[in-house]
Structures are given as C-alpha cells and as structure tokens.
Amino acid sequence: MQVTIRELIHEYPAHEGPKFSTADDVAIESRFISDASKEFMVAFYLDTKNRVIAREIVSVGILNASLIHPREVFRSAIHCNAHAIVLVHNHPSGSAEPSQQDKEVTQLLCKAGEIIGIELLDHVVVGADGYKSAKEEQLIRAVVKT
C-alpha cells in the first residue's frame, strides 16, 4: 500500500463525516491501513456528536513499531476544535492484539486528553485477523465530567 502526502490529513465537509458509534465503525473507516507493510497511526478528530471532522496520519513507523507523542496527536485536534479523538493503528504482523507499548501509549494519551479537555474515546488496533478496541478491552475508562 502506498500513502501519498495529500492523504496525511483529510478534512470532511461539515456534518458529512462518518459517525463513530462502535469500534466496528472505526475498523471499517481504517481499512486503508489494515494491510500496510509499516505501522500507521491514524487520529480521527470528532465533533460533539462523534462525527469525524478530520482524519490524520500522525505517525508512520517501521515494521513493528511506531513512535508517537501526545503533541502530534493533540496539535491538529486543537486546531480543528475536536471534541474527542479516536486513534487507530495497524499491526503489519496481522495480529490485532495490542502490545504492552500500545497499552502504555493509550494510557499516556488518555492522561494528556484529560488535561487538555479532549477525550480519547478509543484506540483500535487493526490487523489481518480483525481488530481490538482498547475501550472494549476496558483499557480506557469513560471520563466523568463534573
């Protein structure tokens, strides 16, 4: 699979982006990276109705790793006034099982999101054998706002 520069960020027309209700919705919108030979980390920036405002490739890794920092994820989220974020990345090995590093990154981004006020709703790992959702695996807890 080849990804071109113009595909690094894709903005959707107002109120026309896909709506995410489940991890299955995220996996369907992420098919374009599921069979890539490198790890791609994609951020979906959502409005208050969980409709996608924009999609951005925030990191491109190597065969079995991807470097990511909260600033790369939240910079564009702030720029496009996102209410929430959903992250997705592929495992070129084909296994959708989250690694320990995946779990640690998820926790780091959850904490950063809480501080900034942009919630990480899910982190989905896609592979040839399907997908795994951090939310469904209870690696992400719902943020209770007071």
Protein backbone atom coordinates (compact mmCIF):
# COMPACT_ATOMS: atom_id res chain seq x y z
CA MET A 1 0.00 0.00 0.00
CA GLN A 2 1.22 3.50 -0.77
CA VAL A 3 0.09 6.58 1.11
CA THR A 4 0.70 9.95 -0.51
CA ILE A 5 1.31 13.27 1.24
CA ARG A 6 -2.16 14.56 0.39
CA GLU A 7 -3.60 11.63 2.34
CA LEU A 8 -1.82 12.60 5.57
CA ILE A 9 -4.80 14.74 6.60
CA HIS A 10 -8.30 14.53 5.25
CA GLU A 11 -10.97 17.02 6.31
CA TYR A 12 -14.64 16.16 5.92
CA PRO A 13 -17.34 18.66 4.88
CA ALA A 14 -19.36 19.92 7.86
CA HIS A 15 -21.78 17.29 9.19
CA GLU A 16 -20.83 14.82 6.44
CA GLY A 17 -18.09 12.80 8.13
CA PRO A 18 -18.83 9.26 9.27
CA LYS A 19 -20.28 8.87 12.74
CA PHE A 20 -18.49 6.55 15.17
CA SER A 21 -20.77 4.57 17.47
CA THR A 22 -18.71 1.39 17.78
CA ALA A 23 -15.18 0.10 17.29
CA ASP A 24 -16.54 -1.71 14.22
CA ASP A 25 -17.28 1.72 12.67
CA VAL A 26 -13.66 2.72 13.32
CA ALA A 27 -12.29 -0.50 11.82
CA ILE A 28 -14.38 -0.02 8.67
CA GLU A 29 -13.05 3.54 8.19
CA SER A 30 -9.49 2.26 8.79
CA ARG A 31 -9.40 -0.43 6.11
CA PHE A 32 -6.91 1.67 4.14
CA ILE A 33 -4.13 0.81 6.64
CA SER A 34 -5.07 -2.74 7.62
CA ASP A 35 -2.67 -4.44 5.21
CA ALA A 36 0.14 -1.87 5.18
CA SER A 37 3.73 -3.10 5.49
CA LYS A 38 4.55 -0.41 8.09
CA GLU A 39 2.70 0.76 11.18
CA PHE A 40 0.43 3.74 10.57
CA MET A 41 -1.10 5.65 13.49
CA VAL A 42 -4.24 7.50 12.42
CA ALA A 43 -6.18 10.02 14.52
CA PHE A 44 -9.84 10.66 13.84
CA TYR A 45 -10.95 14.03 15.23
CA LEU A 46 -14.60 14.08 16.26
CA ASP A 47 -17.29 16.68 16.92
CA THR A 48 -19.74 16.58 19.84
CA LYS A 49 -21.90 14.01 18.01
CA ASN A 50 -18.94 11.69 17.35
CA ARG A 51 -18.94 12.62 13.68
CA VAL A 52 -15.50 12.74 12.06
CA ILE A 53 -14.25 16.28 11.37
CA ALA A 54 -10.84 15.18 10.07
CA ARG A 55 -8.58 12.17 9.78
CA GLU A 56 -4.80 12.45 10.04
CA ILE A 57 -1.87 10.06 9.82
CA VAL A 58 0.03 11.18 12.92
CA SER A 59 2.85 8.64 12.75
CA VAL A 60 4.42 6.23 10.30
CA GLY A 61 6.59 3.59 11.88
CA ILE A 62 8.65 0.65 10.82
CA LEU A 63 7.72 -3.00 10.53
CA ASN A 64 6.96 -3.49 14.22
CA ALA A 65 6.95 -0.10 15.94
CA SER A 66 5.70 3.45 15.68
CA LEU A 67 6.83 6.48 17.64
CA ILE A 68 4.07 8.74 18.90
CA HIS A 69 3.91 11.67 21.29
CA PRO A 70 0.80 13.45 22.60
CA ARG A 71 1.79 16.72 20.91
CA GLU A 72 1.46 15.09 17.45
CA VAL A 73 -1.98 13.76 18.29
CA PHE A 74 -3.43 16.81 20.02
CA ARG A 75 -1.94 19.59 17.84
CA SER A 76 -4.40 19.00 15.00
CA ALA A 77 -7.21 18.11 17.41
CA ILE A 78 -6.92 21.57 18.93
CA HIS A 79 -6.57 23.19 15.50
CA CYS A 80 -9.83 21.67 14.21
CA ASN A 81 -11.72 22.20 17.51
CA ALA A 82 -12.20 18.49 18.10
CA HIS A 83 -14.38 17.40 20.98
CA ALA A 84 -12.80 13.93 21.11
CA ILE A 85 -10.29 11.66 19.38
CA VAL A 86 -10.27 8.05 18.24
CA LEU A 87 -6.89 6.53 17.40
CA VAL A 88 -6.29 3.53 15.21
CA HIS A 89 -3.14 1.81 14.09
CA ASN A 90 -2.27 -1.33 12.21
CA HIS A 91 -0.02 -4.23 13.04
CA PRO A 92 1.80 -5.37 9.88
CA SER A 93 2.21 -8.80 11.50
CA GLY A 94 -1.52 -9.30 11.00
CA SER A 95 -2.28 -9.71 14.71
CA ALA A 96 -4.64 -7.15 16.20
CA GLU A 97 -3.58 -8.00 19.75
CA PRO A 98 -2.36 -4.79 21.49
CA SER A 99 1.26 -4.85 22.64
CA GLN A 100 2.40 -3.61 26.03
CA GLN A 101 3.68 -0.46 24.29
CA ASP A 102 0.22 0.03 22.71
CA LYS A 103 -1.36 -0.14 26.16
CA GLU A 104 1.16 2.33 27.61
CA VAL A 105 0.66 4.79 24.75
CA THR A 106 -3.11 4.54 25.23
CA GLN A 107 -2.80 5.41 28.92
CA LEU A 108 -0.42 8.31 28.20
CA LEU A 109 -2.79 9.76 25.58
CA CYS A 110 -5.79 9.33 27.91
CA LYS A 111 -3.99 11.35 30.59
CA ALA A 112 -2.95 14.05 28.10
CA GLY A 113 -6.50 14.25 26.77
CA GLU A 114 -7.90 14.69 30.28
CA ILE A 115 -5.53 17.61 30.89
CA ILE A 116 -6.27 19.26 27.53
CA GLY A 117 -10.00 18.56 27.65
CA ILE A 118 -10.15 16.42 24.50
CA GLU A 119 -11.15 12.87 25.39
CA LEU A 120 -9.55 9.80 23.81
CA LEU A 121 -12.65 7.69 23.17
CA ASP A 122 -10.89 4.61 21.83
CA HIS A 123 -7.64 3.23 20.47
CA VAL A 124 -8.27 0.49 17.93
CA VAL A 125 -5.60 -1.88 16.62
CA VAL A 126 -6.34 -3.41 13.22
CA GLY A 127 -4.73 -6.41 11.59
CA ALA A 128 -5.46 -9.16 9.12
CA ASP A 129 -7.22 -11.11 11.88
CA GLY A 130 -9.66 -8.29 12.74
CA TYR A 131 -9.43 -5.56 15.34
CA LYS A 132 -9.14 -4.96 19.08
CA SER A 133 -10.63 -1.97 20.86
CA ALA A 134 -8.98 -0.52 23.97
CA LYS A 135 -12.42 0.62 25.14
CA GLU A 136 -13.96 -2.83 24.68
CA GLU A 137 -10.93 -4.39 26.40
CA GLN A 138 -11.52 -1.90 29.26
CA LEU A 139 -8.14 -0.21 28.81
CA ILE A 140 -9.98 3.12 28.54
CA ARG A 141 -12.50 4.24 31.10
CA ALA A 142 -15.19 6.79 30.38
CA VAL A 143 -14.27 10.24 31.65
CA VAL A 144 -16.81 11.54 34.15
CA LYS A 145 -17.15 15.31 33.74
CA THR A 146 -18.34 17.30 36.72
